[in-house]
PDB file of N, CA and C in Angstrom:
ATOM      1  N   MET A   1     104.316 101.951 104.415  1.00  0.00           N
ATOM      2  CA  MET A   1     102.954 101.215 105.690  1.00  0.00           C
ATOM      3  C   MET A   1     101.409 102.614 105.198  1.00  0.00           C
ATOM      4  N   ASN A   2     100.496 101.978 104.956  1.00  0.00           N
ATOM      5  CA  ASN A   2      99.523 103.153 105.577  1.00  0.00           C
ATOM      6  C   ASN A   2      98.961 103.549 106.038  1.00  0.00           C
ATOM      7  N   ASN A   3      98.845 104.182 106.653  1.00  0.00           N
ATOM      8  CA  ASN A   3      98.203 104.368 108.168  1.00  0.00           C
ATOM      9  C   ASN A   3      97.114 105.128 108.576  1.00  0.00           C
ATOM     10  N   LYS A   4      96.408 104.463 107.424  1.00  0.00           N
ATOM     11  CA  LYS A   4      95.530 105.708 106.763  1.00  0.00           C
ATOM     12  C   LYS A   4      94.357 104.757 108.696  1.00  0.00           C
ATOM     13  N   PRO A   5      93.405 104.924 108.872  1.00  0.00           N
ATOM     14  CA  PRO A   5      92.357 103.842 108.953  1.00  0.00           C
ATOM     15  C   PRO A   5      90.608 103.788 107.952  1.00  0.00           C
ATOM     16  N   LYS A   6      90.140 102.495 108.442  1.00  0.00           N
ATOM     17  CA  LYS A   6      90.599 101.960 106.844  1.00  0.00           C
ATOM     18  C   LYS A   6      88.537 102.546 106.905  1.00  0.00           C
ATOM     19  N   GLY A   7      88.692 103.400 107.753  1.00  0.00           N
ATOM     20  CA  GLY A   7      87.034 103.762 108.075  1.00  0.00           C
ATOM     21  C   GLY A   7      87.422 105.067 106.471  1.00  0.00           C
ATOM     22  N   GLY A   8      88.706 105.883 106.325  1.00  0.00           N
ATOM     23  CA  GLY A   8      88.655 107.160 106.444  1.00  0.00           C
ATOM     24  C   GLY A   8      89.325 107.790 106.829  1.00  0.00           C
ATOM     25  N   GLU A   9      90.005 109.303 105.936  1.00  0.00           N
ATOM     26  CA  GLU A   9      91.151 110.509 106.613  1.00  0.00           C
ATOM     27  C   GLU A   9      91.079 110.347 107.810  1.00  0.00           C
ATOM     28  N   LEU A  10      91.935 109.870 109.258  1.00  0.00           N
ATOM     29  CA  LEU A  10      91.189 110.436 109.959  1.00  0.00           C
ATOM     30  C   LEU A  10      91.997 112.433 109.815  1.00  0.00           C
ATOM     31  N   ASN A  11      90.478 112.825 110.831  1.00  0.00           N
ATOM     32  CA  ASN A  11      90.247 114.336 110.638  1.00  0.00           C
ATOM     33  C   ASN A  11      90.003 114.800 111.518  1.00  0.00           C
ATOM     34  N   GLY A  12      90.129 114.519 113.376  1.00  0.00           N
ATOM     35  CA  GLY A  12      90.530 114.735 114.278  1.00  0.00           C
ATOM     36  C   GLY A  12      90.444 113.403 115.599  1.00  0.00           C
ATOM     37  N   PHE A  13      91.376 114.126 116.798  1.00  0.00           N
ATOM     38  CA  PHE A  13      91.565 113.672 117.981  1.00  0.00           C
ATOM     39  C   PHE A  13      91.180 114.025 118.865  1.00  0.00           C
ATOM     40  N   LEU A  14      91.044 113.631 119.898  1.00  0.00           N
ATOM     41  CA  LEU A  14      91.122 113.799 121.502  1.00  0.00           C
ATOM     42  C   LEU A  14      91.687 112.934 122.007  1.00  0.00           C
ATOM     43  N   ASP A  15      92.901 113.573 122.386  1.00  0.00           N
ATOM     44  CA  ASP A  15      94.097 112.970 123.139  1.00  0.00           C
ATOM     45  C   ASP A  15      94.145 113.133 124.384  1.00  0.00           C
ATOM     46  N   ARG A  16      94.741 111.463 124.792  1.00  0.00           N
ATOM     47  CA  ARG A  16      94.528 111.309 126.214  1.00  0.00           C
ATOM     48  C   ARG A  16      95.076 112.671 126.833  1.00  0.00           C
ATOM     49  N   GLY A  17      94.146 112.582 128.027  1.00  0.00           N
ATOM     50  CA  GLY A  17      94.285 113.858 128.936  1.00  0.00           C
ATOM     51  C   GLY A  17      93.940 115.205 128.679  1.00  0.00           C
ATOM     52  N   SER A  18      92.847 115.040 127.223  1.00  0.00           N
ATOM     53  CA  SER A  18      92.352 116.418 127.205  1.00  0.00           C
ATOM     54  C   SER A  18      90.984 115.369 127.351  1.00  0.00           C
ATOM     55  N   SER A  19      89.853 117.022 127.153  1.00  0.00           N
ATOM     56  CA  SER A  19      88.604 116.226 127.997  1.00  0.00           C
ATOM     57  C   SER A  19      88.063 117.871 127.003  1.00  0.00           C
ATOM     58  N   PHE A  20      86.497 117.976 126.730  1.00  0.00           N
ATOM     59  CA  PHE A  20      85.259 118.448 125.747  1.00  0.00           C
ATOM     60  C   PHE A  20      84.184 117.930 125.902  1.00  0.00           C
ATOM     61  N   LYS A  21      83.529 118.969 126.016  1.00  0.00           N
ATOM     62  CA  LYS A  21      82.374 118.693 127.336  1.00  0.00           C
ATOM     63  C   LYS A  21      81.411 119.648 125.774  1.00  0.00           C
ATOM     64  N   GLY A  22      80.526 119.174 124.885  1.00  0.00           N
ATOM     65  CA  GLY A  22      79.894 120.016 124.348  1.00  0.00           C
ATOM     66  C   GLY A  22      79.247 119.051 122.966  1.00  0.00           C
ATOM     67  N   GLU A  23      79.068 119.604 121.620  1.00  0.00           N
ATOM     68  CA  GLU A  23      78.426 119.304 120.352  1.00  0.00           C
ATOM     69  C   GLU A  23      79.713 118.511 119.680  1.00  0.00           C
ATOM     70  N   LEU A  24      79.544 117.498 118.858  1.00  0.00           N
ATOM     71  CA  LEU A  24      80.638 117.451 117.716  1.00  0.00           C
ATOM     72  C   LEU A  24      80.259 116.632 116.874  1.00  0.00           C
ATOM     73  N   GLU A  25      80.553 117.746 115.418  1.00  0.00           N
ATOM     74  CA  GLU A  25      80.053 116.949 114.120  1.00  0.00           C
ATOM     75  C   GLU A  25      81.167 116.901 113.283  1.00  0.00           C
ATOM     76  N   PHE A  26      81.374 116.020 113.266  1.00  0.00           N
ATOM     77  CA  PHE A  26      82.653 115.980 111.789  1.00  0.00           C
ATOM     78  C   PHE A  26      82.848 114.931 110.754  1.00  0.00           C
ATOM     79  N   GLU A  27      83.295 115.049 109.670  1.00  0.00           N
ATOM     80  CA  GLU A  27      83.192 114.150 108.808  1.00  0.00           C
ATOM     81  C   GLU A  27      84.122 112.974 108.521  1.00  0.00           C
ATOM     82  N   ASP A  28      84.515 111.960 107.652  1.00  0.00           N
ATOM     83  CA  ASP A  28      85.295 111.027 107.607  1.00  0.00           C
ATOM     84  C   ASP A  28      85.623 110.353 108.473  1.00  0.00           C
ATOM     85  N   THR A  29      87.175 110.369 109.625  1.00  0.00           N
ATOM     86  CA  THR A  29      87.235 109.915 110.734  1.00  0.00           C
ATOM     87  C   THR A  29      87.750 110.099 112.270  1.00  0.00           C
ATOM     88  N   MET A  30      86.868 109.865 112.782  1.00  0.00           N
ATOM     89  CA  MET A  30      86.444 111.539 114.493  1.00  0.00           C
ATOM     90  C   MET A  30      87.853 110.010 115.493  1.00  0.00           C
ATOM     91  N   ARG A  31      89.085 109.846 116.244  1.00  0.00           N
ATOM     92  CA  ARG A  31      89.266 109.168 117.148  1.00  0.00           C
ATOM     93  C   ARG A  31      89.222 110.218 118.587  1.00  0.00           C
ATOM     94  N   ILE A  32      89.239 109.307 120.053  1.00  0.00           N
ATOM     95  CA  ILE A  32      88.791 110.063 120.798  1.00  0.00           C
ATOM     96  C   ILE A  32      89.393 109.203 121.759  1.00  0.00           C
ATOM     97  N   ASP A  33      90.393 109.452 122.006  1.00  0.00           N
ATOM     98  CA  ASP A  33      91.301 108.702 123.380  1.00  0.00           C
ATOM     99  C   ASP A  33      91.740 109.583 124.690  1.00  0.00           C
ATOM    100  N   GLY A  34      90.963 110.898 125.169  1.00  0.00           N
ATOM    101  CA  GLY A  34      90.904 110.562 126.405  1.00  0.00           C
ATOM    102  C   GLY A  34      88.681 111.896 126.630  1.00  0.00           C
ATOM    103  N   ARG A  35      88.758 112.854 127.229  1.00  0.00           N
ATOM    104  CA  ARG A  35      87.275 112.370 128.073  1.00  0.00           C
ATOM    105  C   ARG A  35      86.531 113.117 127.362  1.00  0.00           C
ATOM    106  N   PHE A  36      85.234 112.561 126.872  1.00  0.00           N
ATOM    107  CA  PHE A  36      84.237 113.754 125.730  1.00  0.00           C
ATOM    108  C   PHE A  36      82.169 113.464 126.051  1.00  0.00           C
ATOM    109  N   ASN A  37      81.891 114.574 126.620  1.00  0.00           N
ATOM    110  CA  ASN A  37      80.870 114.499 127.445  1.00  0.00           C
ATOM    111  C   ASN A  37      79.985 115.308 126.550  1.00  0.00           C
ATOM    112  N   GLY A  38      78.992 114.660 125.986  1.00  0.00           N
ATOM    113  CA  GLY A  38      78.002 115.196 125.381  1.00  0.00           C
ATOM    114  C   GLY A  38      77.374 114.997 123.587  1.00  0.00           C
ATOM    115  N   ARG A  39      77.119 115.514 122.813  1.00  0.00           N
ATOM    116  CA  ARG A  39      76.451 114.902 121.340  1.00  0.00           C
ATOM    117  C   ARG A  39      77.577 114.921 120.203  1.00  0.00           C
ATOM    118  N   ILE A  40      77.740 113.074 120.165  1.00  0.00           N
ATOM    119  CA  ILE A  40      78.756 113.352 118.930  1.00  0.00           C
ATOM    120  C   ILE A  40      77.893 113.055 117.395  1.00  0.00           C
ATOM    121  N   THR A  41      78.393 113.389 116.148  1.00  0.00           N
ATOM    122  CA  THR A  41      77.488 113.252 115.352  1.00  0.00           C
ATOM    123  C   THR A  41      77.947 113.047 113.978  1.00  0.00           C
ATOM    124  N   SER A  42      77.659 112.279 113.184  1.00  0.00           N
ATOM    125  CA  SER A  42      78.927 112.003 112.186  1.00  0.00           C
ATOM    126  C   SER A  42      78.213 110.649 110.689  1.00  0.00           C
ATOM    127  N   LYS A  43      78.245 110.580 110.137  1.00  0.00           N
ATOM    128  CA  LYS A  43      77.438 109.678 108.570  1.00  0.00           C
ATOM    129  C   LYS A  43      79.017 108.493 109.295  1.00  0.00           C
ATOM    130  N   ASN A  44      80.517 109.255 108.980  1.00  0.00           N
ATOM    131  CA  ASN A  44      81.201 108.548 109.086  1.00  0.00           C
ATOM    132  C   ASN A  44      81.830 107.282 110.233  1.00  0.00           C
ATOM    133  N   GLU A  45      82.756 107.089 110.602  1.00  0.00           N
ATOM    134  CA  GLU A  45      82.980 106.624 111.757  1.00  0.00           C
ATOM    135  C   GLU A  45      84.076 107.094 112.743  1.00  0.00           C
ATOM    136  N   LEU A  46      83.286 106.805 114.025  1.00  0.00           N
ATOM    137  CA  LEU A  46      84.101 107.332 115.566  1.00  0.00           C
ATOM    138  C   LEU A  46      84.783 105.933 115.931  1.00  0.00           C
ATOM    139  N   ILE A  47      86.114 106.505 116.771  1.00  0.00           N
ATOM    140  CA  ILE A  47      87.383 105.549 116.858  1.00  0.00           C
ATOM    141  C   ILE A  47      86.657 105.897 118.628  1.00  0.00           C
ATOM    142  N   VAL A  48      86.610 105.039 119.864  1.00  0.00           N
ATOM    143  CA  VAL A  48      86.537 104.413 120.968  1.00  0.00           C
ATOM    144  C   VAL A  48      87.949 104.551 121.368  1.00  0.00           C
ATOM    145  N   GLY A  49      89.615 105.041 121.642  1.00  0.00           N
ATOM    146  CA  GLY A  49      90.574 104.669 121.893  1.00  0.00           C
ATOM    147  C   GLY A  49      90.710 103.660 123.820  1.00  0.00           C
ATOM    148  N   GLU A  50      91.273 102.549 123.706  1.00  0.00           N
ATOM    149  CA  GLU A  50      91.413 102.531 125.073  1.00  0.00           C
ATOM    150  C   GLU A  50      91.575 103.096 126.230  1.00  0.00           C
ATOM    151  N   SER A  51      91.881 104.250 126.634  1.00  0.00           N
ATOM    152  CA  SER A  51      91.924 105.679 127.325  1.00  0.00           C
ATOM    153  C   SER A  51      90.811 106.709 127.206  1.00  0.00           C
ATOM    154  N   ALA A  52      89.914 106.342 126.515  1.00  0.00           N
ATOM    155  CA  ALA A  52      88.353 106.874 126.348  1.00  0.00           C
ATOM    156  C   ALA A  52      87.522 106.471 127.247  1.00  0.00           C
ATOM    157  N   HIS A  53      86.853 107.803 127.242  1.00  0.00           N
ATOM    158  CA  HIS A  53      85.502 107.887 128.355  1.00  0.00           C
ATOM    159  C   HIS A  53      84.786 108.360 127.794  1.00  0.00           C
ATOM    160  N   VAL A  54      83.669 108.301 127.201  1.00  0.00           N
ATOM    161  CA  VAL A  54      82.789 108.686 126.260  1.00  0.00           C
ATOM    162  C   VAL A  54      81.440 109.175 126.890  1.00  0.00           C
ATOM    163  N   GLU A  55      80.193 110.188 126.977  1.00  0.00           N
ATOM    164  CA  GLU A  55      79.293 109.627 127.735  1.00  0.00           C
ATOM    165  C   GLU A  55      78.692 110.757 127.222  1.00  0.00           C
ATOM    166  N   GLY A  56      77.156 109.986 126.379  1.00  0.00           N
ATOM    167  CA  GLY A  56      76.471 111.764 125.870  1.00  0.00           C
ATOM    168  C   GLY A  56      76.141 110.032 124.028  1.00  0.00           C
ATOM    169  N   ASP A  57      75.142 110.954 124.083  1.00  0.00           N
ATOM    170  CA  ASP A  57      74.696 110.447 122.435  1.00  0.00           C
ATOM    171  C   ASP A  57      75.478 110.175 121.083  1.00  0.00           C
ATOM    172  N   ILE A  58      75.876 109.240 120.987  1.00  0.00           N
ATOM    173  CA  ILE A  58      76.863 109.369 119.508  1.00  0.00           C
ATOM    174  C   ILE A  58      75.391 108.812 118.654  1.00  0.00           C
ATOM    175  N   HIS A  59      75.566 109.374 117.140  1.00  0.00           N
ATOM    176  CA  HIS A  59      74.954 109.314 116.034  1.00  0.00           C
ATOM    177  C   HIS A  59      75.757 109.275 114.995  1.00  0.00           C
ATOM    178  N   VAL A  60      76.566 107.749 114.537  1.00  0.00           N
ATOM    179  CA  VAL A  60      77.144 108.150 113.232  1.00  0.00           C
ATOM    180  C   VAL A  60      76.855 106.811 112.234  1.00  0.00           C
ATOM    181  N   GLY A  61      77.775 106.498 111.623  1.00  0.00           N
ATOM    182  CA  GLY A  61      77.722 105.808 110.834  1.00  0.00           C
ATOM    183  C   GLY A  61      78.171 104.066 111.444  1.00  0.00           C
ATOM    184  N   ARG A  62      79.371 104.010 111.470  1.00  0.00           N
ATOM    185  CA  ARG A  62      80.634 103.250 111.897  1.00  0.00           C
ATOM    186  C   ARG A  62      81.112 103.460 113.023  1.00  0.00           C
ATOM    187  N   VAL A  63      81.082 102.720 114.647  1.00  0.00           N
ATOM    188  CA  VAL A  63      81.805 103.275 115.941  1.00  0.00           C
ATOM    189  C   VAL A  63      82.329 101.790 116.840  1.00  0.00           C
ATOM    190  N   ALA A  64      83.833 101.634 117.242  1.00  0.00           N
ATOM    191  CA  ALA A  64      84.984 100.814 117.151  1.00  0.00           C
ATOM    192  C   ALA A  64      85.369 101.696 118.391  1.00  0.00           C
ATOM    193  N   ILE A  65      85.108 100.250 119.574  1.00  0.00           N
ATOM    194  CA  ILE A  65      84.927 101.339 120.714  1.00  0.00           C
ATOM    195  C   ILE A  65      86.176  99.687 121.796  1.00  0.00           C
ATOM    196  N   SER A  66      86.980 100.720 122.177  1.00  0.00           N
ATOM    197  CA  SER A  66      87.846 100.089 122.901  1.00  0.00           C
ATOM    198  C   SER A  66      88.125 100.957 124.297  1.00  0.00           C
ATOM    199  N   GLY A  67      87.200 101.487 124.326  1.00  0.00           N
ATOM    200  CA  GLY A  67      87.645 102.617 125.813  1.00  0.00           C
ATOM    201  C   GLY A  67      85.731 101.939 126.500  1.00  0.00           C
ATOM    202  N   THR A  68      85.274 103.410 126.733  1.00  0.00           N
ATOM    203  CA  THR A  68      83.984 103.046 127.706  1.00  0.00           C
ATOM    204  C   THR A  68      83.134 104.754 127.385  1.00  0.00           C
ATOM    205  N   VAL A  69      82.079 103.731 126.926  1.00  0.00           N
ATOM    206  CA  VAL A  69      80.964 104.824 125.967  1.00  0.00           C
ATOM    207  C   VAL A  69      79.693 104.589 127.234  1.00  0.00           C
ATOM    208  N   VAL A  70      79.313 105.411 127.612  1.00  0.00           N
ATOM    209  CA  VAL A  70      78.071 105.730 128.693  1.00  0.00           C
ATOM    210  C   VAL A  70      76.958 106.508 127.544  1.00  0.00           C
ATOM    211  N   GLY A  71      75.808 105.435 127.672  1.00  0.00           N
ATOM    212  CA  GLY A  71      74.818 106.714 126.897  1.00  0.00           C
ATOM    213  C   GLY A  71      74.148 106.555 125.846  1.00  0.00           C
ATOM    214  N   LYS A  72      73.481 107.008 124.818  1.00  0.00           N
ATOM    215  CA  LYS A  72      73.391 106.546 124.061  1.00  0.00           C
ATOM    216  C   LYS A  72      73.868 105.933 122.506  1.00  0.00           C
ATOM    217  N   ILE A  73      73.866 105.048 121.672  1.00  0.00           N
ATOM    218  CA  ILE A  73      74.396 104.822 120.331  1.00  0.00           C
ATOM    219  C   ILE A  73      73.641 104.280 119.663  1.00  0.00           C
ATOM    220  N   VAL A  74      73.659 105.711 118.400  1.00  0.00           N
ATOM    221  CA  VAL A  74      72.680 104.968 117.216  1.00  0.00           C
ATOM    222  C   VAL A  74      73.581 104.791 115.843  1.00  0.00           C
ATOM    223  N   ALA A  75      74.025 103.862 115.257  1.00  0.00           N
ATOM    224  CA  ALA A  75      74.906 103.783 114.210  1.00  0.00           C
ATOM    225  C   ALA A  75      73.993 102.970 112.056  1.00  0.00           C
ATOM    226  N   GLY A  76      74.473 103.850 111.967  1.00  0.00           N
ATOM    227  CA  GLY A  76      73.634 103.217 110.684  1.00  0.00           C
ATOM    228  C   GLY A  76      74.386 101.810 109.674  1.00  0.00           C
ATOM    229  N   GLN A  77      75.552 101.845 110.413  1.00  0.00           N
ATOM    230  CA  GLN A  77      76.520 100.773 109.318  1.00  0.00           C
ATOM    231  C   GLN A  77      76.848  99.493 110.523  1.00  0.00           C
ATOM    232  N   ARG A  78      77.762 100.200 111.284  1.00  0.00           N
ATOM    233  CA  ARG A  78      77.441  98.647 112.743  1.00  0.00           C
ATOM    234  C   ARG A  78      77.984  99.184 114.004  1.00  0.00           C
ATOM    235  N   VAL A  79      77.731  97.998 115.066  1.00  0.00           N
ATOM    236  CA  VAL A  79      79.439  99.036 115.962  1.00  0.00           C
ATOM    237  C   VAL A  79      80.571  97.828 116.622  1.00  0.00           C
ATOM    238  N   GLU A  80      80.971  97.521 116.750  1.00  0.00           N
ATOM    239  CA  GLU A  80      82.014  97.226 117.016  1.00  0.00           C
ATOM    240  C   GLU A  80      82.586  97.655 118.514  1.00  0.00           C
ATOM    241  N   ILE A  81      82.748  96.847 119.482  1.00  0.00           N
ATOM    242  CA  ILE A  81      82.975  96.322 121.209  1.00  0.00           C
ATOM    243  C   ILE A  81      84.329  95.461 120.959  1.00  0.00           C
ATOM    244  N   HIS A  82      85.389  96.204 121.212  1.00  0.00           N
ATOM    245  CA  HIS A  82      86.489  95.091 120.970  1.00  0.00           C
ATOM    246  C   HIS A  82      86.652  94.553 122.327  1.00  0.00           C
ATOM    247  N   ARG A  83      88.250  94.261 122.650  1.00  0.00           N
ATOM    248  CA  ARG A  83      87.665  93.501 124.131  1.00  0.00           C
ATOM    249  C   ARG A  83      87.984  94.285 125.277  1.00  0.00           C
ATOM    250  N   ASN A  84      88.744  95.151 125.391  1.00  0.00           N
ATOM    251  CA  ASN A  84      89.264  96.449 126.334  1.00  0.00           C
ATOM    252  C   ASN A  84      88.016  97.260 126.291  1.00  0.00           C
ATOM    253  N   GLY A  85      86.531  97.286 125.120  1.00  0.00           N
ATOM    254  CA  GLY A  85      85.651  97.020 125.282  1.00  0.00           C
ATOM    255  C   GLY A  85      85.205  97.180 126.563  1.00  0.00           C
ATOM    256  N   LYS A  86      83.841  98.864 127.223  1.00  0.00           N
ATOM    257  CA  LYS A  86      82.802  99.176 128.214  1.00  0.00           C
ATOM    258  C   LYS A  86      81.829  99.481 127.616  1.00  0.00           C
ATOM    259  N   VAL A  87      81.256  99.294 126.706  1.00  0.00           N
ATOM    260  CA  VAL A  87      80.079  99.706 126.931  1.00  0.00           C
ATOM    261  C   VAL A  87      78.094  99.305 127.803  1.00  0.00           C
ATOM    262  N   TYR A  88      77.602 101.239 128.458  1.00  0.00           N
ATOM    263  CA  TYR A  88      77.205 100.923 129.339  1.00  0.00           C
ATOM    264  C   TYR A  88      75.505 102.292 128.184  1.00  0.00           C
ATOM    265  N   SER A  89      75.433 101.730 127.965  1.00  0.00           N
ATOM    266  CA  SER A  89      74.755 101.667 126.661  1.00  0.00           C
ATOM    267  C   SER A  89      73.320 101.314 125.575  1.00  0.00           C
ATOM    268  N   ASP A  90      72.018 101.196 125.690  1.00  0.00           N
ATOM    269  CA  ASP A  90      71.644 101.433 124.273  1.00  0.00           C
ATOM    270  C   ASP A  90      71.851 101.389 123.179  1.00  0.00           C
ATOM    271  N   ILE A  91      71.653 100.402 122.446  1.00  0.00           N
ATOM    272  CA  ILE A  91      72.496  99.887 120.414  1.00  0.00           C
ATOM    273  C   ILE A  91      71.391 100.395 120.113  1.00  0.00           C
ATOM    274  N   ASP A  92      70.787 100.878 118.726  1.00  0.00           N
ATOM    275  CA  ASP A  92      70.041 101.017 117.854  1.00  0.00           C
ATOM    276  C   ASP A  92      70.985 100.271 116.403  1.00  0.00           C
ATOM    277  N   THR A  93      71.300  99.487 115.859  1.00  0.00           N
ATOM    278  CA  THR A  93      72.216  99.393 114.725  1.00  0.00           C
ATOM    279  C   THR A  93      72.192  97.910 113.937  1.00  0.00           C
ATOM    280  N   PRO A  94      72.323  97.967 112.459  1.00  0.00           N
ATOM    281  CA  PRO A  94      71.958  96.420 112.030  1.00  0.00           C
ATOM    282  C   PRO A  94      73.046  95.509 112.180  1.00  0.00           C
ATOM    283  N   ALA A  95      74.677  96.010 112.818  1.00  0.00           N
ATOM    284  CA  ALA A  95      75.015  94.766 113.164  1.00  0.00           C
ATOM    285  C   ALA A  95      75.632  94.834 113.886  1.00  0.00           C
ATOM    286  N   LEU A  96      76.400  94.369 114.451  1.00  0.00           N
ATOM    287  CA  LEU A  96      76.107  94.487 115.874  1.00  0.00           C
ATOM    288  C   LEU A  96      77.658  93.620 116.647  1.00  0.00           C
ATOM    289  N   ILE A  97      79.483  94.034 116.916  1.00  0.00           N
ATOM    290  CA  ILE A  97      79.968  92.436 117.000  1.00  0.00           C
ATOM    291  C   ILE A  97      80.576  93.028 118.536  1.00  0.00           C
ATOM    292  N   ILE A  98      80.898  91.920 119.742  1.00  0.00           N
ATOM    293  CA  ILE A  98      81.204  92.212 120.762  1.00  0.00           C
ATOM    294  C   ILE A  98      82.710  91.051 120.642  1.00  0.00           C
ATOM    295  N   GLU A  99      83.374  91.369 121.087  1.00  0.00           N
ATOM    296  CA  GLU A  99      84.447  90.151 120.840  1.00  0.00           C
ATOM    297  C   GLU A  99      85.240  90.105 122.369  1.00  0.00           C
ATOM    298  N   GLU A 100      85.233  89.089 122.507  1.00  0.00           N
ATOM    299  CA  GLU A 100      85.475  88.888 123.733  1.00  0.00           C
ATOM    300  C   GLU A 100      85.937  89.008 124.812  1.00  0.00           C
ATOM    301  N   GLY A 101      85.534  89.510 126.108  1.00  0.00           N
ATOM    302  CA  GLY A 101      86.391  90.283 126.771  1.00  0.00           C
ATOM    303  C   GLY A 101      85.472  91.778 127.183  1.00  0.00           C
ATOM    304  N   ALA A 102      84.909  91.732 126.442  1.00  0.00           N
ATOM    305  CA  ALA A 102      83.970  92.474 126.377  1.00  0.00           C
ATOM    306  C   ALA A 102      83.325  93.159 126.614  1.00  0.00           C
ATOM    307  N   ILE A 103      82.694  94.055 127.693  1.00  0.00           N
ATOM    308  CA  ILE A 103      81.671  94.087 128.281  1.00  0.00           C
ATOM    309  C   ILE A 103      80.612  95.621 128.465  1.00  0.00           C
ATOM    310  N   PHE A 104      79.161  94.387 127.609  1.00  0.00           N
ATOM    311  CA  PHE A 104      77.611  95.476 126.763  1.00  0.00           C
ATOM    312  C   PHE A 104      76.476  95.415 128.083  1.00  0.00           C
ATOM    313  N   GLN A 105      76.546  96.669 128.793  1.00  0.00           N
ATOM    314  CA  GLN A 105      75.213  96.418 129.724  1.00  0.00           C
ATOM    315  C   GLN A 105      73.873  97.073 128.471  1.00  0.00           C
ATOM    316  N   GLY A 106      73.610  97.106 127.938  1.00  0.00           N
ATOM    317  CA  GLY A 106      71.902  98.274 127.910  1.00  0.00           C
ATOM    318  C   GLY A 106      71.144  97.215 126.720  1.00  0.00           C
ATOM    319  N   ASN A 107      70.593  97.481 126.064  1.00  0.00           N
ATOM    320  CA  ASN A 107      69.442  97.164 125.465  1.00  0.00           C
ATOM    321  C   ASN A 107      69.644  97.299 123.727  1.00  0.00           C
ATOM    322  N   CYS A 108      69.483  96.141 122.780  1.00  0.00           N
ATOM    323  CA  CYS A 108      70.311  96.365 121.274  1.00  0.00           C
ATOM    324  C   CYS A 108      69.572  96.139 120.501  1.00  0.00           C
ATOM    325  N   VAL A 109      68.700  97.100 119.542  1.00  0.00           N
ATOM    326  CA  VAL A 109      67.245  97.349 118.441  1.00  0.00           C
ATOM    327  C   VAL A 109      68.618  96.648 116.640  1.00  0.00           C
ATOM    328  N   MET A 110      68.440  95.701 116.315  1.00  0.00           N
ATOM    329  CA  MET A 110      69.290  95.676 115.451  1.00  0.00           C
ATOM    330  C   MET A 110      67.901  95.023 114.422  1.00  0.00           C
ATOM    331  N   GLY A 111      67.949  95.931 112.502  1.00  0.00           N
ATOM    332  CA  GLY A 111      67.429  95.996 111.835  1.00  0.00           C
ATOM    333  C   GLY A 111      66.048  96.655 112.076  1.00  0.00           C
ATOM    334  N   GLU A 112      64.748  97.009 110.945  1.00  0.00           N
ATOM    335  CA  GLU A 112      63.603  97.554 111.941  1.00  0.00           C
ATOM    336  C   GLU A 112      63.672  97.560 113.161  1.00  0.00           C
ATOM    337  N   LYS A 113      63.032  98.261 113.853  1.00  0.00           N
ATOM    338  CA  LYS A 113      61.838  99.300 115.013  1.00  0.00           C
ATOM    339  C   LYS A 113      61.572  97.625 115.445  1.00  0.00           C
ATOM    340  N   SER A 114      60.035  97.701 114.433  1.00  0.00           N
ATOM    341  CA  SER A 114      59.424  97.028 114.640  1.00  0.00           C
ATOM    342  C   SER A 114      59.805  95.236 115.246  1.00  0.00           C
ATOM    343  N   LYS A 115      60.895  94.502 114.466  1.00  0.00           N
ATOM    344  CA  LYS A 115      61.334  93.660 114.199  1.00  0.00           C
ATOM    345  C   LYS A 115      62.666  93.229 115.014  1.00  0.00           C
ATOM    346  N   GLY A 116      63.303  94.016 115.657  1.00  0.00           N
ATOM    347  CA  GLY A 116      64.394  94.277 115.825  1.00  0.00           C
ATOM    348  C   GLY A 116      64.403  93.134 117.447  1.00  0.00           C
ATOM    349  N   ALA A 117      65.246  92.308 117.464  1.00  0.00           N
ATOM    350  CA  ALA A 117      65.960  91.842 118.811  1.00  0.00           C
ATOM    351  C   ALA A 117      66.398  92.566 120.011  1.00  0.00           C
ATOM    352  N   THR A 118      65.774  92.153 121.267  1.00  0.00           N
ATOM    353  CA  THR A 118      66.017  92.943 122.107  1.00  0.00           C
ATOM    354  C   THR A 118      67.375  92.364 122.991  1.00  0.00           C
ATOM    355  N   VAL A 119      68.630  92.758 123.878  1.00  0.00           N
ATOM    356  CA  VAL A 119      69.385  91.984 124.250  1.00  0.00           C
ATOM    357  C   VAL A 119      69.550  92.986 125.417  1.00  0.00           C
ATOM    358  N   SER A 120      69.721  92.098 126.637  1.00  0.00           N
ATOM    359  CA  SER A 120      69.591  92.873 127.849  1.00  0.00           C
ATOM    360  C   SER A 120      70.899  91.786 128.288  1.00  0.00           C
ATOM    361  N   ASN A 121      71.413  93.542 128.889  1.00  0.00           N
ATOM    362  CA  ASN A 121      72.268  92.934 130.424  1.00  0.00           C
ATOM    363  C   ASN A 121      73.397  92.068 129.919  1.00  0.00           C
ATOM    364  N   ILE A 122      73.605  91.671 128.531  1.00  0.00           N
ATOM    365  CA  ILE A 122      74.394  90.791 127.842  1.00  0.00           C
ATOM    366  C   ILE A 122      76.671  90.984 128.823  1.00  0.00           C
ATOM    367  N   LYS A 123      77.749  90.097 129.545  1.00  0.00           N
ATOM    368  CA  LYS A 123      78.518  90.126 129.302  1.00  0.00           C
ATOM    369  C   LYS A 123      79.054  89.047 129.389  1.00  0.00           C
ATOM    370  N   ALA A 124      80.368  89.718 128.151  1.00  0.00           N
ATOM    371  CA  ALA A 124      80.902  88.622 127.919  1.00  0.00           C
ATOM    372  C   ALA A 124      82.723  88.624 128.438  1.00  0.00           C
ATOM    373  N   SER A 125      83.046  87.149 128.556  1.00  0.00           N
ATOM    374  CA  SER A 125      83.996  87.329 129.475  1.00  0.00           C
ATOM    375  C   SER A 125      84.897  86.651 129.147  1.00  0.00           C
ATOM    376  N   SER A 126      86.534  87.038 129.335  1.00  0.00           N
ATOM    377  CA  SER A 126      87.183  86.654 128.645  1.00  0.00           C
ATOM    378  C   SER A 126      88.105  84.490 129.498  1.00  0.00           C
TER     379      SER A 126
END
């Protein structure tokens, strides 16, 4: 059985009960299940677990959210908000996936900024 996340090798983990403030840069894949406040930067994948609470700016290739994110998200490839995810953020990404039951409040710009579509205050319910 392969336990490797689909985006690459997991090279960082902030577990439940842990908290971190500051700037985080990583390669491959990072998973957060604790509390993070600050700036996150990577060309690869960030996983925000169900117990996670992230506040700040996120600039990554891909992000999968099952916890709570407050701030701004810029993703070069895609943003996924899973059914338990809560996102109170403006999003800039070429692809946005929101599962039923997720909460998204903010604005989303997809594609070229001058031609992007904006979505405000969306709440998907189960």
